[in-house]
Amino acid sequence: MLINTLEFADLQTNVLKTHRSYLELLAPEMGKAYVIAITRDECSACKRQKPKLEKLAKILTEKHGSRVVFTQVHVRRPANSDKESLRSKDLLGHYFYPTNLILLKTQDRGAIEYHRSVSPRMSDLKRSIETAIEIATMLEKEKS
């Protein structure tokens, strides 16, 4: 699967258990660009973005291999309850769905957020991902 799926509840549990930031858990290695899509049940914009993001993941994974990692952090909305959504907004600092992040791991600052956008055009997201891959490669080389 080109896009890994992670339930928000599992991410939240890991943050609490490990006392690490969500950034560190989602972007553990230098030299890679981590593309994170925050999605939610019953989100029409998320449903529209999904096939486009899958196509982009296929293109960029074929071109860059393991230098790019796609993950969907999915928020559940059981019985129209917004409790999990509110917790995700507190932890991840987003407001809208889908929100896309690009994360990088640095030597001196740990994992950082390079880019954040809400329901972006895939051409814009692709450009930002490719720039992030270049930066991640440069950061990895500087480490050596």
N, C-alpha and C. Protein backbone atom coordinates (compact mmCIF):
# COMPACT_ATOMS: atom_id res chain seq x y z
N MET A 1 0.84 -1.18 0.00
CA MET A 1 0.00 0.00 0.00
C MET A 1 0.89 1.25 0.00
N LEU A 2 0.60 2.19 -0.86
CA LEU A 2 1.42 3.39 -0.99
C LEU A 2 1.16 4.42 0.11
N ILE A 3 -0.06 4.41 0.66
CA ILE A 3 -0.38 5.32 1.76
C ILE A 3 -0.68 4.49 3.00
N ASN A 4 0.17 4.62 4.00
CA ASN A 4 -0.06 3.92 5.26
C ASN A 4 -1.22 4.59 5.98
N THR A 5 -2.06 3.80 6.64
CA THR A 5 -3.16 4.37 7.41
C THR A 5 -2.89 4.18 8.88
N LEU A 6 -3.04 5.25 9.63
CA LEU A 6 -2.84 5.25 11.07
C LEU A 6 -4.08 5.88 11.70
N GLU A 7 -4.69 5.16 12.60
CA GLU A 7 -5.85 5.71 13.31
C GLU A 7 -5.37 6.78 14.28
N PHE A 8 -6.08 7.89 14.34
CA PHE A 8 -5.69 8.96 15.25
C PHE A 8 -5.59 8.46 16.69
N ALA A 9 -6.55 7.64 17.10
CA ALA A 9 -6.55 7.13 18.49
C ALA A 9 -5.25 6.38 18.79
N ASP A 10 -4.73 5.63 17.82
CA ASP A 10 -3.47 4.91 18.01
C ASP A 10 -2.30 5.88 18.13
N LEU A 11 -2.30 6.92 17.29
CA LEU A 11 -1.24 7.93 17.36
C LEU A 11 -1.27 8.62 18.72
N GLN A 12 -2.45 8.99 19.16
CA GLN A 12 -2.59 9.67 20.45
C GLN A 12 -2.09 8.77 21.59
N THR A 13 -2.44 7.51 21.55
CA THR A 13 -1.98 6.56 22.56
C THR A 13 -0.46 6.46 22.56
N ASN A 14 0.15 6.40 21.38
CA ASN A 14 1.61 6.32 21.28
C ASN A 14 2.29 7.58 21.80
N VAL A 15 1.70 8.72 21.54
CA VAL A 15 2.25 9.98 22.06
C VAL A 15 2.24 9.95 23.58
N LEU A 16 1.13 9.51 24.16
CA LEU A 16 1.02 9.47 25.62
C LEU A 16 1.94 8.43 26.24
N LYS A 17 2.07 7.27 25.59
CA LYS A 17 2.91 6.19 26.12
C LYS A 17 4.39 6.52 26.03
N THR A 18 4.81 7.07 24.91
CA THR A 18 6.25 7.27 24.67
C THR A 18 6.74 8.64 25.12
N HIS A 19 5.82 9.57 25.39
CA HIS A 19 6.18 10.95 25.75
C HIS A 19 6.98 11.62 24.64
N ARG A 20 6.73 11.19 23.40
CA ARG A 20 7.37 11.81 22.24
C ARG A 20 6.31 12.63 21.50
N SER A 21 6.74 13.60 20.74
CA SER A 21 5.79 14.41 19.98
C SER A 21 5.26 13.60 18.79
N TYR A 22 4.10 14.01 18.32
CA TYR A 22 3.56 13.35 17.12
C TYR A 22 4.50 13.54 15.94
N LEU A 23 5.23 14.65 15.91
CA LEU A 23 6.18 14.89 14.82
C LEU A 23 7.26 13.82 14.81
N GLU A 24 7.80 13.51 15.98
CA GLU A 24 8.85 12.49 16.09
C GLU A 24 8.32 11.11 15.71
N LEU A 25 7.08 10.82 16.06
CA LEU A 25 6.51 9.51 15.74
C LEU A 25 6.21 9.37 14.25
N LEU A 26 5.80 10.46 13.61
CA LEU A 26 5.43 10.41 12.20
C LEU A 26 6.61 10.62 11.26
N ALA A 27 7.70 11.21 11.76
CA ALA A 27 8.88 11.46 10.92
C ALA A 27 10.13 10.98 11.66
N PRO A 28 10.32 9.67 11.72
CA PRO A 28 11.40 9.13 12.56
C PRO A 28 12.80 9.15 11.95
N GLU A 29 12.94 9.28 10.62
CA GLU A 29 14.27 9.15 9.99
C GLU A 29 14.63 10.37 9.16
N MET A 30 15.92 10.68 9.16
CA MET A 30 16.41 11.74 8.29
C MET A 30 16.47 11.23 6.85
N GLY A 31 16.47 12.16 5.91
CA GLY A 31 16.63 11.80 4.51
C GLY A 31 15.33 11.48 3.79
N LYS A 32 14.20 11.69 4.48
CA LYS A 32 12.90 11.38 3.88
C LYS A 32 11.95 12.55 4.08
N ALA A 33 11.01 12.67 3.15
CA ALA A 33 9.90 13.60 3.31
C ALA A 33 8.68 12.77 3.70
N TYR A 34 8.04 13.16 4.78
CA TYR A 34 6.86 12.45 5.28
C TYR A 34 5.63 13.28 4.96
N VAL A 35 4.76 12.72 4.14
CA VAL A 35 3.53 13.40 3.72
C VAL A 35 2.40 12.84 4.56
N ILE A 36 1.75 13.69 5.33
CA ILE A 36 0.70 13.27 6.25
C ILE A 36 -0.62 13.90 5.79
N ALA A 37 -1.63 13.05 5.62
CA ALA A 37 -2.97 13.53 5.29
C ALA A 37 -3.85 13.27 6.51
N ILE A 38 -4.37 14.33 7.11
CA ILE A 38 -5.27 14.18 8.26
C ILE A 38 -6.69 14.19 7.70
N THR A 39 -7.40 13.07 7.87
CA THR A 39 -8.74 12.90 7.30
C THR A 39 -9.73 12.48 8.39
N ARG A 40 -11.01 12.55 8.06
CA ARG A 40 -12.06 12.21 9.03
C ARG A 40 -13.22 11.51 8.35
N ASP A 41 -13.88 10.64 9.09
CA ASP A 41 -15.11 10.03 8.61
C ASP A 41 -16.09 11.11 8.16
N GLU A 42 -16.88 10.81 7.16
CA GLU A 42 -17.94 11.69 6.66
C GLU A 42 -17.44 13.03 6.14
N CYS A 43 -16.21 13.08 5.71
CA CYS A 43 -15.63 14.32 5.18
C CYS A 43 -15.65 14.22 3.65
N SER A 44 -16.48 15.01 3.01
CA SER A 44 -16.60 14.94 1.55
C SER A 44 -15.32 15.39 0.85
N ALA A 45 -14.65 16.40 1.38
CA ALA A 45 -13.39 16.86 0.78
C ALA A 45 -12.32 15.77 0.90
N CYS A 46 -12.34 15.01 2.00
CA CYS A 46 -11.38 13.91 2.18
C CYS A 46 -11.62 12.83 1.14
N LYS A 47 -12.89 12.54 0.89
CA LYS A 47 -13.24 11.52 -0.10
C LYS A 47 -12.80 11.96 -1.50
N ARG A 48 -12.94 13.24 -1.80
CA ARG A 48 -12.52 13.75 -3.12
C ARG A 48 -11.00 13.73 -3.25
N GLN A 49 -10.30 14.01 -2.16
CA GLN A 49 -8.83 14.06 -2.22
C GLN A 49 -8.21 12.67 -2.31
N LYS A 50 -8.83 11.67 -1.73
CA LYS A 50 -8.22 10.35 -1.59
C LYS A 50 -7.67 9.78 -2.91
N PRO A 51 -8.46 9.69 -3.99
CA PRO A 51 -7.90 9.12 -5.22
C PRO A 51 -6.78 9.98 -5.82
N LYS A 52 -6.88 11.28 -5.65
CA LYS A 52 -5.83 12.17 -6.16
C LYS A 52 -4.53 11.98 -5.38
N LEU A 53 -4.65 11.83 -4.06
CA LEU A 53 -3.47 11.63 -3.24
C LEU A 53 -2.86 10.26 -3.51
N GLU A 54 -3.70 9.25 -3.74
CA GLU A 54 -3.18 7.92 -4.08
C GLU A 54 -2.40 7.95 -5.39
N LYS A 55 -2.92 8.70 -6.36
CA LYS A 55 -2.23 8.83 -7.65
C LYS A 55 -0.90 9.55 -7.46
N LEU A 56 -0.89 10.61 -6.67
CA LEU A 56 0.34 11.35 -6.39
C LEU A 56 1.34 10.46 -5.65
N ALA A 57 0.87 9.69 -4.70
CA ALA A 57 1.76 8.78 -3.96
C ALA A 57 2.40 7.78 -4.90
N LYS A 58 1.64 7.27 -5.84
CA LYS A 58 2.17 6.30 -6.81
C LYS A 58 3.27 6.95 -7.66
N ILE A 59 2.99 8.13 -8.18
CA ILE A 59 3.95 8.84 -9.03
C ILE A 59 5.24 9.15 -8.27
N LEU A 60 5.10 9.70 -7.07
CA LEU A 60 6.29 10.12 -6.32
C LEU A 60 7.06 8.95 -5.72
N THR A 61 6.37 7.88 -5.37
CA THR A 61 7.05 6.70 -4.86
C THR A 61 7.84 6.02 -5.98
N GLU A 62 7.27 5.98 -7.18
CA GLU A 62 8.00 5.43 -8.32
C GLU A 62 9.24 6.26 -8.63
N LYS A 63 9.13 7.57 -8.50
CA LYS A 63 10.23 8.46 -8.83
C LYS A 63 11.30 8.53 -7.72
N HIS A 64 10.86 8.56 -6.45
CA HIS A 64 11.78 8.81 -5.34
C HIS A 64 11.96 7.64 -4.38
N GLY A 65 11.23 6.56 -4.59
CA GLY A 65 11.36 5.38 -3.74
C GLY A 65 11.09 5.68 -2.28
N SER A 66 11.97 5.20 -1.42
CA SER A 66 11.77 5.32 0.03
C SER A 66 12.07 6.72 0.57
N ARG A 67 12.43 7.65 -0.29
CA ARG A 67 12.69 9.04 0.14
C ARG A 67 11.40 9.78 0.48
N VAL A 68 10.25 9.20 0.11
CA VAL A 68 8.97 9.82 0.42
C VAL A 68 8.06 8.77 1.06
N VAL A 69 7.42 9.17 2.15
CA VAL A 69 6.53 8.27 2.90
C VAL A 69 5.18 8.97 3.06
N PHE A 70 4.13 8.30 2.63
CA PHE A 70 2.77 8.84 2.73
C PHE A 70 2.03 8.14 3.87
N THR A 71 1.41 8.92 4.74
CA THR A 71 0.62 8.37 5.84
C THR A 71 -0.68 9.14 5.96
N GLN A 72 -1.76 8.41 6.13
CA GLN A 72 -3.07 9.01 6.40
C GLN A 72 -3.34 8.83 7.89
N VAL A 73 -3.53 9.92 8.62
CA VAL A 73 -3.96 9.86 10.01
C VAL A 73 -5.46 10.07 9.98
N HIS A 74 -6.20 9.00 10.30
CA HIS A 74 -7.65 9.05 10.15
C HIS A 74 -8.35 9.22 11.49
N VAL A 75 -9.23 10.21 11.52
CA VAL A 75 -10.01 10.54 12.71
C VAL A 75 -11.40 9.93 12.56
N ARG A 76 -11.83 9.21 13.57
CA ARG A 76 -13.16 8.58 13.55
C ARG A 76 -14.21 9.55 14.09
N ARG A 77 -15.44 9.37 13.58
CA ARG A 77 -16.56 10.19 14.02
C ARG A 77 -17.76 9.28 14.29
N PRO A 78 -17.70 8.51 15.39
CA PRO A 78 -18.80 7.59 15.68
C PRO A 78 -20.05 8.34 16.13
N ALA A 79 -21.19 7.93 15.60
CA ALA A 79 -22.49 8.51 15.98
C ALA A 79 -22.45 10.03 16.04
N ASN A 80 -21.82 10.62 15.04
CA ASN A 80 -21.71 12.09 14.92
C ASN A 80 -21.11 12.76 16.15
N SER A 81 -20.23 12.05 16.86
CA SER A 81 -19.53 12.63 18.00
C SER A 81 -18.26 13.30 17.51
N ASP A 82 -18.04 14.52 17.95
CA ASP A 82 -16.85 15.26 17.55
C ASP A 82 -15.72 15.17 18.57
N LYS A 83 -15.84 14.28 19.57
CA LYS A 83 -14.82 14.19 20.62
C LYS A 83 -13.44 13.87 20.07
N GLU A 84 -13.35 12.84 19.21
CA GLU A 84 -12.04 12.47 18.66
C GLU A 84 -11.50 13.58 17.76
N SER A 85 -12.39 14.20 17.01
CA SER A 85 -11.97 15.29 16.14
C SER A 85 -11.40 16.44 16.96
N LEU A 86 -12.03 16.76 18.05
CA LEU A 86 -11.52 17.84 18.90
C LEU A 86 -10.17 17.47 19.51
N ARG A 87 -10.00 16.22 19.90
CA ARG A 87 -8.70 15.78 20.43
C ARG A 87 -7.62 15.86 19.35
N SER A 88 -7.98 15.48 18.11
CA SER A 88 -6.98 15.55 17.04
C SER A 88 -6.60 16.99 16.75
N LYS A 89 -7.56 17.87 16.81
CA LYS A 89 -7.27 19.28 16.57
C LYS A 89 -6.35 19.84 17.65
N ASP A 90 -6.54 19.40 18.89
CA ASP A 90 -5.66 19.83 19.98
C ASP A 90 -4.25 19.28 19.78
N LEU A 91 -4.14 17.99 19.45
CA LEU A 91 -2.82 17.35 19.34
C LEU A 91 -2.08 17.77 18.08
N LEU A 92 -2.77 17.77 16.94
CA LEU A 92 -2.11 18.00 15.65
C LEU A 92 -2.15 19.47 15.21
N GLY A 93 -2.93 20.28 15.88
CA GLY A 93 -2.97 21.71 15.58
C GLY A 93 -3.62 22.07 14.26
N HIS A 94 -4.55 21.26 13.81
CA HIS A 94 -5.25 21.57 12.56
C HIS A 94 -6.68 21.99 12.86
N TYR A 95 -7.38 22.47 11.86
CA TYR A 95 -8.79 22.82 12.05
C TYR A 95 -9.67 22.16 11.02
N PHE A 96 -9.23 22.17 9.76
CA PHE A 96 -10.04 21.65 8.66
C PHE A 96 -9.59 20.26 8.24
N TYR A 97 -10.48 19.58 7.53
CA TYR A 97 -10.18 18.28 6.91
C TYR A 97 -10.38 18.42 5.40
N PRO A 98 -9.54 17.83 4.60
CA PRO A 98 -8.26 17.24 4.94
C PRO A 98 -7.18 18.30 5.10
N THR A 99 -6.31 18.07 6.05
CA THR A 99 -5.12 18.90 6.21
C THR A 99 -3.93 18.03 5.83
N ASN A 100 -3.05 18.58 5.03
CA ASN A 100 -1.85 17.85 4.60
C ASN A 100 -0.62 18.51 5.20
N LEU A 101 0.25 17.68 5.75
CA LEU A 101 1.51 18.13 6.33
C LEU A 101 2.66 17.48 5.58
N ILE A 102 3.77 18.16 5.53
CA ILE A 102 5.02 17.54 5.07
C ILE A 102 6.00 17.74 6.22
N LEU A 103 6.54 16.63 6.71
CA LEU A 103 7.46 16.65 7.83
C LEU A 103 8.85 16.22 7.39
N LEU A 104 9.85 16.76 8.05
CA LEU A 104 11.25 16.39 7.82
C LEU A 104 11.90 16.15 9.17
N LYS A 105 12.88 15.29 9.20
CA LYS A 105 13.67 15.08 10.42
C LYS A 105 14.99 15.81 10.25
N THR A 106 15.34 16.62 11.24
CA THR A 106 16.60 17.36 11.22
C THR A 106 17.51 16.84 12.32
N GLN A 107 18.78 17.12 12.18
CA GLN A 107 19.73 16.64 13.18
C GLN A 107 19.62 17.44 14.48
N ASP A 108 19.49 18.75 14.37
CA ASP A 108 19.52 19.59 15.57
C ASP A 108 18.16 19.91 16.17
N ARG A 109 17.09 19.85 15.38
CA ARG A 109 15.76 20.22 15.87
C ARG A 109 14.79 19.04 15.92
N GLY A 110 15.25 17.86 15.54
CA GLY A 110 14.34 16.71 15.49
C GLY A 110 13.40 16.84 14.31
N ALA A 111 12.23 16.28 14.44
CA ALA A 111 11.25 16.35 13.35
C ALA A 111 10.60 17.73 13.34
N ILE A 112 10.44 18.27 12.14
CA ILE A 112 9.84 19.59 11.98
C ILE A 112 8.75 19.54 10.92
N GLU A 113 7.86 20.50 11.01
CA GLU A 113 6.83 20.66 9.99
C GLU A 113 7.38 21.61 8.93
N TYR A 114 7.51 21.10 7.72
CA TYR A 114 8.01 21.90 6.61
C TYR A 114 6.88 22.62 5.89
N HIS A 115 5.72 21.97 5.80
CA HIS A 115 4.62 22.50 5.00
C HIS A 115 3.29 22.06 5.60
N ARG A 116 2.28 22.92 5.51
CA ARG A 116 0.91 22.60 5.95
C ARG A 116 -0.05 23.25 4.97
N SER A 117 -1.06 22.49 4.54
CA SER A 117 -2.07 23.05 3.64
C SER A 117 -3.39 22.33 3.84
N VAL A 118 -4.45 23.01 3.49
CA VAL A 118 -5.79 22.45 3.60
C VAL A 118 -6.31 22.19 2.19
N SER A 119 -6.65 20.94 1.93
CA SER A 119 -7.25 20.54 0.66
C SER A 119 -6.52 21.16 -0.55
N PRO A 120 -5.21 20.94 -0.65
CA PRO A 120 -4.42 21.61 -1.69
C PRO A 120 -4.65 21.01 -3.08
N ARG A 121 -4.28 21.78 -4.08
CA ARG A 121 -4.18 21.22 -5.44
C ARG A 121 -3.02 20.23 -5.41
N MET A 122 -3.18 19.12 -6.08
CA MET A 122 -2.13 18.11 -6.07
C MET A 122 -0.85 18.61 -6.73
N SER A 123 -0.97 19.50 -7.70
CA SER A 123 0.24 20.05 -8.34
C SER A 123 1.04 20.88 -7.35
N ASP A 124 0.35 21.64 -6.49
CA ASP A 124 1.04 22.43 -5.47
C ASP A 124 1.67 21.53 -4.42
N LEU A 125 0.93 20.50 -3.99
CA LEU A 125 1.45 19.57 -3.01
C LEU A 125 2.65 18.81 -3.56
N LYS A 126 2.56 18.41 -4.82
CA LYS A 126 3.67 17.69 -5.46
C LYS A 126 4.93 18.55 -5.46
N ARG A 127 4.80 19.80 -5.82
CA ARG A 127 5.95 20.71 -5.85
C ARG A 127 6.56 20.84 -4.45
N SER A 128 5.73 20.98 -3.45
CA SER A 128 6.23 21.10 -2.08
C SER A 128 6.90 19.82 -1.60
N ILE A 129 6.34 18.67 -1.97
CA ILE A 129 6.93 17.39 -1.59
C ILE A 129 8.30 17.23 -2.24
N GLU A 130 8.40 17.55 -3.52
CA GLU A 130 9.68 17.38 -4.21
C GLU A 130 10.75 18.32 -3.64
N THR A 131 10.37 19.52 -3.26
CA THR A 131 11.32 20.42 -2.60
C THR A 131 11.72 19.85 -1.25
N ALA A 132 10.76 19.31 -0.51
CA ALA A 132 11.05 18.71 0.79
C ALA A 132 12.01 17.52 0.66
N ILE A 133 11.85 16.74 -0.39
CA ILE A 133 12.76 15.60 -0.63
C ILE A 133 14.18 16.12 -0.86
N GLU A 134 14.31 17.19 -1.64
CA GLU A 134 15.64 17.78 -1.87
C GLU A 134 16.25 18.25 -0.55
N ILE A 135 15.46 18.91 0.27
CA ILE A 135 15.96 19.41 1.56
C ILE A 135 16.33 18.24 2.46
N ALA A 136 15.47 17.21 2.51
CA ALA A 136 15.75 16.04 3.36
C ALA A 136 17.05 15.37 2.93
N THR A 137 17.28 15.28 1.64
CA THR A 137 18.52 14.68 1.13
C THR A 137 19.72 15.52 1.53
N MET A 138 19.59 16.83 1.42
CA MET A 138 20.66 17.75 1.80
C MET A 138 20.94 17.63 3.31
N LEU A 139 19.90 17.60 4.13
CA LEU A 139 20.09 17.48 5.58
C LEU A 139 20.79 16.18 5.96
N GLU A 140 20.44 15.12 5.26
CA GLU A 140 21.08 13.82 5.52
C GLU A 140 22.56 13.85 5.16
N LYS A 141 22.89 14.49 4.04
CA LYS A 141 24.29 14.57 3.61
C LYS A 141 25.11 15.42 4.58
N GLU A 142 24.51 16.49 5.11
CA GLU A 142 25.21 17.36 6.06
C GLU A 142 25.50 16.62 7.36
N LYS A 143 24.66 15.67 7.70
CA LYS A 143 24.84 14.88 8.92
C LYS A 143 26.10 14.03 8.85
N SER A 144 26.41 13.55 7.64
CA SER A 144 27.53 12.63 7.46
C SER A 144 28.88 13.27 7.66
